[in-house]
Amino acid sequence: MIDIREADPGSEDLRPIIQAHLAHSWGATPQTSNHTLDVEALREPGIRFWALYEDNTALGCGALKTLPDGTAEVKSVHVIAAARGRGLARVMMTHLADLARDEGLSALVLETGAAHLPEYDAARKLYEALGYSYCDPIYGYALDPNSAFMRLALEPGS
């Protein structure tokens, strides 16, 4: 059974997932364009973190960073390699959207790797399938050729 719960990104069972996420992003993205958060950054005020478990085994994570414009940024969505292909990233993304909608946020936004970075192809395809559209740089970011910015409008009850 899949269970998503708010968690501490520094807990012993989640640190390896955060490290895998960091390793992936650092290997795929030039350092000047990398916006991946480490454990300490994920613990900062305004950021909430969730872990995805199956039978008490951590398989993935995701976070929301509240922004001053009434939106939230999706951060650190990652599923361990052994659990990929089961739709778990979609489950986490849907969970985050439902939470944000219930809280009255107007949209979810995110930054991911641009089209010329094939390591992010699956992520971009998932976001597109979930209804995200490409947009200008989101709050706190500048135009970057290595970044793609996306937005999902949230309407109550949708």
N, C-alpha and C. Protein backbone atom coordinates (compact mmCIF):
# COMPACT_ATOMS: atom_id res chain seq x y z
N MET A 1 0.84 -1.18 0.00
CA MET A 1 0.00 0.00 0.00
C MET A 1 0.88 1.25 0.00
N ILE A 2 0.55 2.21 -0.85
CA ILE A 2 1.29 3.47 -0.94
C ILE A 2 0.77 4.44 0.11
N ASP A 3 1.69 5.07 0.80
CA ASP A 3 1.36 6.03 1.86
C ASP A 3 2.25 7.25 1.68
N ILE A 4 1.66 8.43 1.62
CA ILE A 4 2.43 9.67 1.54
C ILE A 4 2.24 10.41 2.84
N ARG A 5 3.36 10.78 3.48
CA ARG A 5 3.27 11.48 4.76
C ARG A 5 4.31 12.58 4.85
N GLU A 6 3.94 13.62 5.57
CA GLU A 6 4.89 14.70 5.81
C GLU A 6 6.05 14.13 6.60
N ALA A 7 7.26 14.54 6.27
CA ALA A 7 8.44 13.90 6.84
C ALA A 7 9.59 14.89 6.98
N ASP A 8 10.61 14.45 7.68
CA ASP A 8 11.87 15.20 7.82
C ASP A 8 12.83 14.68 6.75
N PRO A 9 13.26 15.55 5.82
CA PRO A 9 14.16 15.09 4.76
C PRO A 9 15.50 14.58 5.29
N GLY A 10 15.81 14.89 6.52
CA GLY A 10 17.06 14.43 7.10
C GLY A 10 16.96 13.11 7.83
N SER A 11 15.77 12.51 7.83
CA SER A 11 15.64 11.23 8.53
C SER A 11 16.49 10.18 7.82
N GLU A 12 16.89 9.18 8.58
CA GLU A 12 17.83 8.17 8.09
C GLU A 12 17.34 7.47 6.82
N ASP A 13 16.05 7.18 6.74
CA ASP A 13 15.54 6.47 5.56
C ASP A 13 15.36 7.36 4.34
N LEU A 14 15.37 8.68 4.54
CA LEU A 14 15.16 9.59 3.42
C LEU A 14 16.44 10.22 2.89
N ARG A 15 17.49 10.29 3.71
CA ARG A 15 18.75 10.89 3.24
C ARG A 15 19.26 10.24 1.95
N PRO A 16 19.21 8.90 1.81
CA PRO A 16 19.69 8.32 0.55
C PRO A 16 18.88 8.77 -0.67
N ILE A 17 17.60 9.02 -0.49
CA ILE A 17 16.78 9.49 -1.61
C ILE A 17 17.19 10.91 -1.99
N ILE A 18 17.40 11.76 -0.99
CA ILE A 18 17.85 13.13 -1.26
C ILE A 18 19.22 13.11 -1.93
N GLN A 19 20.11 12.25 -1.46
CA GLN A 19 21.44 12.15 -2.06
C GLN A 19 21.36 11.68 -3.51
N ALA A 20 20.49 10.72 -3.80
CA ALA A 20 20.30 10.25 -5.18
C ALA A 20 19.76 11.37 -6.06
N HIS A 21 18.83 12.15 -5.51
CA HIS A 21 18.26 13.29 -6.25
C HIS A 21 19.34 14.32 -6.56
N LEU A 22 20.16 14.63 -5.57
CA LEU A 22 21.26 15.58 -5.77
C LEU A 22 22.25 15.05 -6.80
N ALA A 23 22.62 13.77 -6.70
CA ALA A 23 23.58 13.18 -7.63
C ALA A 23 23.04 13.24 -9.07
N HIS A 24 21.75 12.93 -9.24
CA HIS A 24 21.16 13.00 -10.57
C HIS A 24 21.24 14.42 -11.13
N SER A 25 20.81 15.39 -10.34
CA SER A 25 20.77 16.76 -10.85
C SER A 25 22.18 17.32 -11.09
N TRP A 26 23.10 17.02 -10.21
CA TRP A 26 24.46 17.52 -10.41
C TRP A 26 25.12 16.86 -11.61
N GLY A 27 24.75 15.62 -11.92
CA GLY A 27 25.29 14.95 -13.08
C GLY A 27 24.66 15.39 -14.40
N ALA A 28 23.45 15.93 -14.33
CA ALA A 28 22.70 16.26 -15.53
C ALA A 28 22.69 17.75 -15.87
N THR A 29 23.00 18.60 -14.91
CA THR A 29 22.81 20.04 -15.06
C THR A 29 24.11 20.79 -14.75
N PRO A 30 24.47 21.78 -15.56
CA PRO A 30 25.63 22.59 -15.20
C PRO A 30 25.45 23.23 -13.82
N GLN A 31 26.52 23.31 -13.05
CA GLN A 31 26.43 23.84 -11.68
C GLN A 31 25.77 25.20 -11.61
N THR A 32 26.01 26.06 -12.58
CA THR A 32 25.44 27.40 -12.56
C THR A 32 23.93 27.41 -12.75
N SER A 33 23.38 26.29 -13.19
CA SER A 33 21.94 26.19 -13.45
C SER A 33 21.24 25.22 -12.51
N ASN A 34 21.93 24.72 -11.52
CA ASN A 34 21.35 23.70 -10.65
C ASN A 34 20.64 24.35 -9.47
N HIS A 35 19.37 23.99 -9.28
CA HIS A 35 18.55 24.58 -8.22
C HIS A 35 18.02 23.52 -7.25
N THR A 36 18.70 22.38 -7.21
CA THR A 36 18.27 21.27 -6.35
C THR A 36 18.59 21.60 -4.89
N LEU A 37 17.65 21.29 -4.02
CA LEU A 37 17.82 21.58 -2.60
C LEU A 37 18.39 20.38 -1.85
N ASP A 38 19.34 20.66 -0.96
CA ASP A 38 19.87 19.61 -0.10
C ASP A 38 19.00 19.50 1.15
N VAL A 39 19.37 18.59 2.05
CA VAL A 39 18.57 18.33 3.25
C VAL A 39 18.34 19.61 4.04
N GLU A 40 19.39 20.38 4.28
CA GLU A 40 19.24 21.59 5.10
C GLU A 40 18.32 22.60 4.43
N ALA A 41 18.43 22.77 3.12
CA ALA A 41 17.56 23.70 2.41
C ALA A 41 16.10 23.23 2.46
N LEU A 42 15.91 21.92 2.40
CA LEU A 42 14.54 21.38 2.47
C LEU A 42 13.92 21.53 3.85
N ARG A 43 14.73 21.86 4.83
CA ARG A 43 14.22 22.07 6.20
C ARG A 43 13.94 23.54 6.49
N GLU A 44 14.19 24.43 5.54
CA GLU A 44 14.00 25.86 5.76
C GLU A 44 12.52 26.21 5.90
N PRO A 45 12.24 27.31 6.61
CA PRO A 45 10.84 27.76 6.74
C PRO A 45 10.23 28.00 5.35
N GLY A 46 8.96 27.69 5.23
CA GLY A 46 8.26 27.88 3.97
C GLY A 46 8.33 26.69 3.03
N ILE A 47 9.09 25.67 3.43
CA ILE A 47 9.19 24.45 2.62
C ILE A 47 8.62 23.29 3.42
N ARG A 48 7.72 22.56 2.76
CA ARG A 48 7.15 21.36 3.39
C ARG A 48 7.53 20.15 2.53
N PHE A 49 7.85 19.07 3.19
CA PHE A 49 8.43 17.90 2.55
C PHE A 49 7.59 16.66 2.85
N TRP A 50 7.36 15.84 1.83
CA TRP A 50 6.61 14.59 2.00
C TRP A 50 7.42 13.43 1.46
N ALA A 51 7.22 12.27 2.06
CA ALA A 51 7.86 11.04 1.60
C ALA A 51 6.78 10.05 1.18
N LEU A 52 7.10 9.27 0.18
CA LEU A 52 6.21 8.25 -0.34
C LEU A 52 6.75 6.90 0.13
N TYR A 53 5.89 6.16 0.81
CA TYR A 53 6.28 4.87 1.37
C TYR A 53 5.41 3.76 0.80
N GLU A 54 5.99 2.59 0.73
CA GLU A 54 5.25 1.37 0.46
C GLU A 54 5.69 0.36 1.51
N ASP A 55 4.75 -0.10 2.31
CA ASP A 55 5.07 -1.03 3.41
C ASP A 55 6.21 -0.52 4.27
N ASN A 56 6.16 0.76 4.60
CA ASN A 56 7.15 1.44 5.45
C ASN A 56 8.55 1.53 4.84
N THR A 57 8.65 1.30 3.53
CA THR A 57 9.92 1.50 2.83
C THR A 57 9.80 2.79 2.02
N ALA A 58 10.74 3.71 2.24
CA ALA A 58 10.72 4.98 1.51
C ALA A 58 11.11 4.75 0.06
N LEU A 59 10.25 5.21 -0.85
CA LEU A 59 10.49 5.05 -2.28
C LEU A 59 10.65 6.37 -3.01
N GLY A 60 10.21 7.47 -2.41
CA GLY A 60 10.28 8.74 -3.11
C GLY A 60 9.94 9.90 -2.21
N CYS A 61 10.00 11.09 -2.81
CA CYS A 61 9.74 12.30 -2.03
C CYS A 61 9.27 13.43 -2.94
N GLY A 62 8.85 14.50 -2.31
CA GLY A 62 8.45 15.71 -3.00
C GLY A 62 8.25 16.81 -1.98
N ALA A 63 8.34 18.06 -2.42
CA ALA A 63 8.23 19.20 -1.50
C ALA A 63 7.49 20.34 -2.18
N LEU A 64 6.96 21.21 -1.35
CA LEU A 64 6.36 22.47 -1.82
C LEU A 64 7.03 23.62 -1.10
N LYS A 65 7.39 24.63 -1.88
CA LYS A 65 7.95 25.86 -1.34
C LYS A 65 6.94 26.97 -1.60
N THR A 66 6.38 27.52 -0.53
CA THR A 66 5.38 28.57 -0.65
C THR A 66 6.05 29.85 -1.15
N LEU A 67 5.45 30.46 -2.15
CA LEU A 67 5.99 31.69 -2.74
C LEU A 67 5.08 32.87 -2.40
N PRO A 68 5.64 34.09 -2.37
CA PRO A 68 4.85 35.25 -1.96
C PRO A 68 3.78 35.69 -2.95
N ASP A 69 3.76 35.09 -4.14
CA ASP A 69 2.76 35.49 -5.13
C ASP A 69 1.50 34.62 -5.11
N GLY A 70 1.33 33.81 -4.06
CA GLY A 70 0.14 32.98 -3.94
C GLY A 70 0.24 31.65 -4.65
N THR A 71 1.45 31.30 -5.08
CA THR A 71 1.70 30.00 -5.70
C THR A 71 2.64 29.21 -4.80
N ALA A 72 2.91 27.98 -5.20
CA ALA A 72 3.92 27.17 -4.52
C ALA A 72 4.78 26.51 -5.59
N GLU A 73 6.06 26.41 -5.31
CA GLU A 73 6.99 25.76 -6.22
C GLU A 73 7.15 24.30 -5.83
N VAL A 74 7.03 23.42 -6.80
CA VAL A 74 7.27 21.99 -6.59
C VAL A 74 8.79 21.80 -6.57
N LYS A 75 9.27 21.12 -5.54
CA LYS A 75 10.70 20.87 -5.39
C LYS A 75 10.94 19.39 -5.09
N SER A 76 12.08 18.91 -5.48
CA SER A 76 12.65 17.63 -5.02
C SER A 76 11.74 16.43 -5.20
N VAL A 77 11.03 16.37 -6.33
CA VAL A 77 10.26 15.16 -6.60
C VAL A 77 11.23 14.12 -7.15
N HIS A 78 11.33 13.01 -6.44
CA HIS A 78 12.28 11.96 -6.83
C HIS A 78 11.74 10.60 -6.39
N VAL A 79 11.88 9.62 -7.26
CA VAL A 79 11.54 8.24 -6.95
C VAL A 79 12.80 7.41 -7.16
N ILE A 80 13.09 6.52 -6.21
CA ILE A 80 14.31 5.72 -6.33
C ILE A 80 14.25 4.86 -7.60
N ALA A 81 15.41 4.59 -8.16
CA ALA A 81 15.50 3.88 -9.44
C ALA A 81 14.75 2.54 -9.42
N ALA A 82 14.85 1.80 -8.34
CA ALA A 82 14.22 0.48 -8.25
C ALA A 82 12.70 0.54 -8.29
N ALA A 83 12.11 1.71 -8.03
CA ALA A 83 10.65 1.84 -7.98
C ALA A 83 10.09 2.62 -9.16
N ARG A 84 10.92 2.97 -10.12
CA ARG A 84 10.44 3.76 -11.26
C ARG A 84 9.61 2.91 -12.20
N GLY A 85 8.77 3.59 -12.98
CA GLY A 85 7.93 2.91 -13.95
C GLY A 85 6.60 2.44 -13.38
N ARG A 86 6.31 2.81 -12.16
CA ARG A 86 5.07 2.38 -11.50
C ARG A 86 4.08 3.54 -11.31
N GLY A 87 4.43 4.71 -11.81
CA GLY A 87 3.54 5.86 -11.68
C GLY A 87 3.65 6.57 -10.34
N LEU A 88 4.71 6.31 -9.58
CA LEU A 88 4.81 6.91 -8.25
C LEU A 88 5.10 8.41 -8.28
N ALA A 89 5.84 8.87 -9.28
CA ALA A 89 6.06 10.32 -9.40
C ALA A 89 4.73 11.02 -9.68
N ARG A 90 3.89 10.41 -10.49
CA ARG A 90 2.56 10.96 -10.76
C ARG A 90 1.73 11.01 -9.48
N VAL A 91 1.82 9.95 -8.67
CA VAL A 91 1.10 9.92 -7.39
C VAL A 91 1.56 11.07 -6.50
N MET A 92 2.86 11.30 -6.42
CA MET A 92 3.38 12.40 -5.59
C MET A 92 2.95 13.75 -6.15
N MET A 93 3.06 13.93 -7.45
CA MET A 93 2.67 15.21 -8.06
C MET A 93 1.18 15.49 -7.85
N THR A 94 0.35 14.49 -7.95
CA THR A 94 -1.08 14.65 -7.72
C THR A 94 -1.35 15.01 -6.26
N HIS A 95 -0.63 14.37 -5.36
CA HIS A 95 -0.76 14.66 -3.93
C HIS A 95 -0.41 16.13 -3.66
N LEU A 96 0.69 16.59 -4.22
CA LEU A 96 1.11 17.98 -4.01
C LEU A 96 0.08 18.96 -4.58
N ALA A 97 -0.45 18.66 -5.76
CA ALA A 97 -1.47 19.53 -6.36
C ALA A 97 -2.74 19.56 -5.52
N ASP A 98 -3.15 18.42 -5.01
CA ASP A 98 -4.35 18.37 -4.16
C ASP A 98 -4.16 19.19 -2.89
N LEU A 99 -2.99 19.08 -2.28
CA LEU A 99 -2.71 19.86 -1.07
C LEU A 99 -2.76 21.36 -1.37
N ALA A 100 -2.07 21.75 -2.44
CA ALA A 100 -2.01 23.17 -2.80
C ALA A 100 -3.40 23.71 -3.13
N ARG A 101 -4.20 22.94 -3.84
CA ARG A 101 -5.56 23.35 -4.19
C ARG A 101 -6.40 23.52 -2.93
N ASP A 102 -6.30 22.55 -2.01
CA ASP A 102 -7.06 22.61 -0.76
C ASP A 102 -6.66 23.82 0.08
N GLU A 103 -5.43 24.27 -0.06
CA GLU A 103 -4.95 25.43 0.69
C GLU A 103 -5.26 26.75 -0.01
N GLY A 104 -5.88 26.69 -1.16
CA GLY A 104 -6.28 27.90 -1.86
C GLY A 104 -5.19 28.56 -2.68
N LEU A 105 -4.11 27.84 -2.97
CA LEU A 105 -3.06 28.42 -3.82
C LEU A 105 -3.56 28.52 -5.25
N SER A 106 -3.09 29.53 -5.97
CA SER A 106 -3.59 29.76 -7.33
C SER A 106 -2.92 28.86 -8.36
N ALA A 107 -1.70 28.41 -8.08
CA ALA A 107 -0.98 27.59 -9.06
C ALA A 107 0.20 26.89 -8.41
N LEU A 108 0.62 25.83 -9.07
CA LEU A 108 1.91 25.22 -8.77
C LEU A 108 2.83 25.59 -9.91
N VAL A 109 4.08 25.86 -9.59
CA VAL A 109 5.09 26.20 -10.58
C VAL A 109 6.31 25.33 -10.32
N LEU A 110 7.14 25.19 -11.35
CA LEU A 110 8.36 24.41 -11.15
C LEU A 110 9.41 24.81 -12.17
N GLU A 111 10.63 24.45 -11.84
CA GLU A 111 11.77 24.58 -12.74
C GLU A 111 12.32 23.19 -12.94
N THR A 112 12.62 22.84 -14.18
CA THR A 112 13.23 21.55 -14.49
C THR A 112 14.24 21.76 -15.60
N GLY A 113 14.92 20.69 -15.99
CA GLY A 113 15.91 20.81 -17.05
C GLY A 113 15.28 21.08 -18.40
N ALA A 114 15.97 21.88 -19.21
CA ALA A 114 15.49 22.26 -20.53
C ALA A 114 15.53 21.08 -21.50
N ALA A 115 14.92 21.27 -22.66
CA ALA A 115 14.75 20.21 -23.65
C ALA A 115 16.07 19.61 -24.13
N HIS A 116 17.16 20.37 -24.11
CA HIS A 116 18.43 19.81 -24.57
C HIS A 116 19.12 18.95 -23.51
N LEU A 117 18.49 18.80 -22.35
CA LEU A 117 19.02 17.94 -21.29
C LEU A 117 18.15 16.68 -21.23
N PRO A 118 18.55 15.61 -21.92
CA PRO A 118 17.69 14.42 -22.03
C PRO A 118 17.40 13.73 -20.69
N GLU A 119 18.19 13.99 -19.69
CA GLU A 119 17.95 13.39 -18.37
C GLU A 119 16.63 13.86 -17.76
N TYR A 120 16.07 14.93 -18.29
CA TYR A 120 14.82 15.47 -17.77
C TYR A 120 13.62 15.20 -18.69
N ASP A 121 13.82 14.41 -19.74
CA ASP A 121 12.72 14.12 -20.67
C ASP A 121 11.51 13.52 -19.97
N ALA A 122 11.73 12.51 -19.15
CA ALA A 122 10.61 11.84 -18.47
C ALA A 122 9.87 12.80 -17.55
N ALA A 123 10.62 13.65 -16.85
CA ALA A 123 9.98 14.61 -15.95
C ALA A 123 9.11 15.59 -16.73
N ARG A 124 9.67 16.16 -17.81
CA ARG A 124 8.88 17.10 -18.61
C ARG A 124 7.63 16.44 -19.18
N LYS A 125 7.75 15.20 -19.65
CA LYS A 125 6.59 14.49 -20.20
C LYS A 125 5.52 14.28 -19.12
N LEU A 126 5.95 13.94 -17.91
CA LEU A 126 4.99 13.77 -16.82
C LEU A 126 4.29 15.08 -16.54
N TYR A 127 5.03 16.16 -16.40
CA TYR A 127 4.43 17.46 -16.09
C TYR A 127 3.45 17.88 -17.17
N GLU A 128 3.83 17.66 -18.43
CA GLU A 128 2.92 17.99 -19.53
C GLU A 128 1.64 17.17 -19.43
N ALA A 129 1.77 15.87 -19.14
CA ALA A 129 0.61 14.99 -19.04
C ALA A 129 -0.30 15.40 -17.88
N LEU A 130 0.27 16.00 -16.85
CA LEU A 130 -0.51 16.45 -15.69
C LEU A 130 -1.15 17.82 -15.91
N GLY A 131 -0.90 18.44 -17.07
CA GLY A 131 -1.54 19.71 -17.38
C GLY A 131 -0.67 20.94 -17.18
N TYR A 132 0.58 20.76 -16.84
CA TYR A 132 1.48 21.90 -16.70
C TYR A 132 1.76 22.46 -18.08
N SER A 133 1.90 23.79 -18.15
CA SER A 133 2.28 24.44 -19.41
C SER A 133 3.56 25.22 -19.19
N TYR A 134 4.30 25.39 -20.26
CA TYR A 134 5.56 26.13 -20.18
C TYR A 134 5.26 27.61 -19.98
N CYS A 135 6.12 28.26 -19.21
CA CYS A 135 5.89 29.67 -18.88
C CYS A 135 7.22 30.39 -18.76
N ASP A 136 7.13 31.68 -18.54
CA ASP A 136 8.32 32.49 -18.28
C ASP A 136 8.93 32.08 -16.94
N PRO A 137 10.15 32.53 -16.65
CA PRO A 137 10.76 32.18 -15.37
C PRO A 137 9.82 32.48 -14.20
N ILE A 138 9.81 31.59 -13.25
CA ILE A 138 8.96 31.71 -12.08
C ILE A 138 9.65 32.55 -11.01
N TYR A 139 8.88 32.88 -9.96
CA TYR A 139 9.37 33.72 -8.88
C TYR A 139 10.72 33.20 -8.37
N GLY A 140 11.71 34.10 -8.31
CA GLY A 140 13.02 33.77 -7.76
C GLY A 140 14.03 33.26 -8.78
N TYR A 141 13.63 33.13 -10.04
CA TYR A 141 14.52 32.60 -11.08
C TYR A 141 14.69 33.64 -12.19
N ALA A 142 15.79 33.50 -12.91
CA ALA A 142 16.03 34.31 -14.11
C ALA A 142 16.02 33.37 -15.31
N LEU A 143 15.86 33.95 -16.49
CA LEU A 143 15.91 33.18 -17.72
C LEU A 143 17.23 32.42 -17.76
N ASP A 144 17.19 31.14 -18.09
CA ASP A 144 18.37 30.28 -18.09
C ASP A 144 18.20 29.27 -19.22
N PRO A 145 19.17 29.16 -20.13
CA PRO A 145 19.01 28.22 -21.25
C PRO A 145 18.95 26.75 -20.81
N ASN A 146 19.35 26.45 -19.59
CA ASN A 146 19.33 25.08 -19.09
C ASN A 146 18.06 24.76 -18.29
N SER A 147 17.18 25.74 -18.16
CA SER A 147 15.97 25.57 -17.37
C SER A 147 14.72 25.67 -18.23
N ALA A 148 13.74 24.85 -17.86
CA ALA A 148 12.38 24.98 -18.39
C ALA A 148 11.49 25.30 -17.19
N PHE A 149 10.60 26.24 -17.35
CA PHE A 149 9.68 26.66 -16.29
C PHE A 149 8.27 26.26 -16.68
N MET A 150 7.52 25.75 -15.70
CA MET A 150 6.18 25.26 -15.99
C MET A 150 5.22 25.69 -14.89
N ARG A 151 3.94 25.74 -15.26
CA ARG A 151 2.90 26.22 -14.34
C ARG A 151 1.64 25.39 -14.51
N LEU A 152 0.99 25.08 -13.38
CA LEU A 152 -0.30 24.41 -13.36
C LEU A 152 -1.26 25.28 -12.59
N ALA A 153 -2.27 25.84 -13.28
CA ALA A 153 -3.28 26.64 -12.60
C ALA A 153 -4.13 25.70 -11.76
N LEU A 154 -4.44 26.15 -10.55
CA LEU A 154 -5.26 25.35 -9.62
C LEU A 154 -6.60 26.04 -9.44
N GLU A 155 -7.64 25.31 -9.74
CA GLU A 155 -8.98 25.84 -9.54
C GLU A 155 -9.66 25.00 -8.47
N PRO A 156 -10.38 25.64 -7.58
CA PRO A 156 -11.07 24.87 -6.54
C PRO A 156 -11.96 23.80 -7.14
N GLY A 157 -11.87 22.60 -6.57
CA GLY A 157 -12.73 21.50 -7.00
C GLY A 157 -12.31 20.83 -8.29
N SER A 158 -11.19 21.27 -8.88
CA SER A 158 -10.78 20.65 -10.16
C SER A 158 -9.93 19.43 -9.94
